[in-house]
C-alpha atoms as a PDB file:
ATOM      1  CA  MET A   1      13.433  31.021  25.696  1.00  0.00           C
ATOM      2  CA  ASP A   2      12.895  27.275  25.451  1.00  0.00           C
ATOM      3  CA  VAL A   3      10.678  26.022  22.672  1.00  0.00           C
ATOM      4  CA  PRO A   4       8.413  23.181  23.748  1.00  0.00           C
ATOM      5  CA  SER A   5       8.807  19.978  21.817  1.00  0.00           C
ATOM      6  CA  PHE A   6       6.563  17.014  21.310  1.00  0.00           C
ATOM      7  CA  ASP A   7       6.673  13.625  19.662  1.00  0.00           C
ATOM      8  CA  VAL A   8       4.028  12.298  17.343  1.00  0.00           C
ATOM      9  CA  VAL A   9       3.495   8.567  17.521  1.00  0.00           C
ATOM     10  CA  SER A  10       1.511   6.782  14.873  1.00  0.00           C
ATOM     11  CA  GLU A  11       0.899   3.087  15.212  1.00  0.00           C
ATOM     12  CA  LEU A  12      -0.288   1.013  12.289  1.00  0.00           C
ATOM     13  CA  ASP A  13      -2.680  -1.881  12.651  1.00  0.00           C
ATOM     14  CA  ALA A  14      -0.542  -4.621  11.081  1.00  0.00           C
ATOM     15  CA  GLN A  15      -3.556  -6.833  10.389  1.00  0.00           C
ATOM     16  CA  GLU A  16      -5.327  -4.066   8.473  1.00  0.00           C
ATOM     17  CA  VAL A  17      -2.198  -3.387   6.436  1.00  0.00           C
ATOM     18  CA  ARG A  18      -1.987  -7.113   5.573  1.00  0.00           C
ATOM     19  CA  ASN A  19      -5.670  -7.108   4.636  1.00  0.00           C
ATOM     20  CA  ALA A  20      -5.173  -4.107   2.354  1.00  0.00           C
ATOM     21  CA  VAL A  21      -2.143  -5.706   0.662  1.00  0.00           C
ATOM     22  CA  ASP A  22      -4.067  -8.967   0.197  1.00  0.00           C
ATOM     23  CA  GLN A  23      -6.989  -7.107  -1.362  1.00  0.00           C
ATOM     24  CA  VAL A  24      -4.714  -5.219  -3.743  1.00  0.00           C
ATOM     25  CA  SER A  25      -3.009  -8.492  -4.692  1.00  0.00           C
ATOM     26  CA  ARG A  26      -6.414  -9.965  -5.562  1.00  0.00           C
ATOM     27  CA  GLU A  27      -7.229  -6.876  -7.625  1.00  0.00           C
ATOM     28  CA  ILE A  28      -3.962  -7.230  -9.522  1.00  0.00           C
ATOM     29  CA  ALA A  29      -4.698 -10.897 -10.221  1.00  0.00           C
ATOM     30  CA  THR A  30      -8.176 -10.223 -11.609  1.00  0.00           C
ATOM     31  CA  ARG A  31      -7.999  -6.863 -13.377  1.00  0.00           C
ATOM     32  CA  PHE A  32      -7.519  -6.957 -17.119  1.00  0.00           C
ATOM     33  CA  ASP A  33      -5.290  -3.873 -17.143  1.00  0.00           C
ATOM     34  CA  PHE A  34      -2.767  -5.649 -14.891  1.00  0.00           C
ATOM     35  CA  LYS A  35      -2.529  -8.829 -16.976  1.00  0.00           C
ATOM     36  CA  GLY A  36       1.046  -9.281 -18.169  1.00  0.00           C
ATOM     37  CA  ALA A  37       2.180  -6.052 -16.493  1.00  0.00           C
ATOM     38  CA  GLY A  38       4.442  -7.849 -14.013  1.00  0.00           C
ATOM     39  CA  ALA A  39       2.528  -6.094 -11.259  1.00  0.00           C
ATOM     40  CA  GLU A  40       2.739  -7.098  -7.609  1.00  0.00           C
ATOM     41  CA  VAL A  41       2.672  -5.717  -4.103  1.00  0.00           C
ATOM     42  CA  GLU A  42       4.711  -7.334  -1.349  1.00  0.00           C
ATOM     43  CA  LEU A  43       4.548  -6.738   2.395  1.00  0.00           C
ATOM     44  CA  ARG A  44       7.855  -7.333   4.160  1.00  0.00           C
ATOM     45  CA  LYS A  45       9.057  -6.711   7.691  1.00  0.00           C
ATOM     46  CA  ASP A  46      10.902  -3.579   6.579  1.00  0.00           C
ATOM     47  CA  GLY A  47       8.168  -2.118   4.377  1.00  0.00           C
ATOM     48  CA  LEU A  48       6.130  -2.480   1.228  1.00  0.00           C
ATOM     49  CA  THR A  49       7.414  -3.178  -2.249  1.00  0.00           C
ATOM     50  CA  LEU A  50       5.355  -2.316  -5.319  1.00  0.00           C
ATOM     51  CA  ARG A  51       6.444  -3.578  -8.736  1.00  0.00           C
ATOM     52  CA  ALA A  52       5.042  -3.071 -12.215  1.00  0.00           C
ATOM     53  CA  GLY A  53       6.257  -3.074 -15.780  1.00  0.00           C
ATOM     54  CA  THR A  54       5.231   0.506 -16.446  1.00  0.00           C
ATOM     55  CA  GLU A  55       5.015   3.698 -14.454  1.00  0.00           C
ATOM     56  CA  ASP A  56       1.262   4.057 -15.018  1.00  0.00           C
ATOM     57  CA  ARG A  57       0.617   0.516 -13.685  1.00  0.00           C
ATOM     58  CA  LEU A  58       2.811   1.273 -10.681  1.00  0.00           C
ATOM     59  CA  LYS A  59       0.800   4.408 -10.000  1.00  0.00           C
ATOM     60  CA  ALA A  60      -2.431   2.404 -10.319  1.00  0.00           C
ATOM     61  CA  ILE A  61      -1.179  -0.099  -7.724  1.00  0.00           C
ATOM     62  CA  TYR A  62      -0.184   2.741  -5.408  1.00  0.00           C
ATOM     63  CA  LEU A  63      -3.595   4.402  -5.724  1.00  0.00           C
ATOM     64  CA  GLU A  64      -5.383   1.101  -5.140  1.00  0.00           C
ATOM     65  CA  LEU A  65      -3.291   0.430  -2.028  1.00  0.00           C
ATOM     66  CA  GLU A  66      -3.841   3.963  -0.771  1.00  0.00           C
ATOM     67  CA  GLY A  67      -7.597   3.542  -1.204  1.00  0.00           C
ATOM     68  CA  GLN A  68      -7.612   0.206   0.615  1.00  0.00           C
ATOM     69  CA  LEU A  69      -5.654   1.660   3.524  1.00  0.00           C
ATOM     70  CA  GLU A  70      -7.964   4.674   3.739  1.00  0.00           C
ATOM     71  CA  GLU A  71     -11.028   2.406   3.818  1.00  0.00           C
ATOM     72  CA  ARG A  72      -9.518   0.623   6.796  1.00  0.00           C
ATOM     73  CA  GLY A  73      -8.655   3.849   8.615  1.00  0.00           C
ATOM     74  CA  THR A  74      -4.938   3.112   8.380  1.00  0.00           C
ATOM     75  CA  PRO A  75      -2.830   6.234   7.774  1.00  0.00           C
END
């Protein structure tokens, strides 16, 4: 018996991803808890890079980015 197969295709809106990264970058630049934490988010052709001096700041950047992407309807 053959099992049917299917492909799932998910396309990202590149402009919305850029907007979300830009917004998170602005948040990092203005929030007191990120001052001196070496925190940044970078959008590259091959993906996103998140950097921070501590694990809790890295998690905060991730959550902020996740929230921005959700607001824009980007999975």
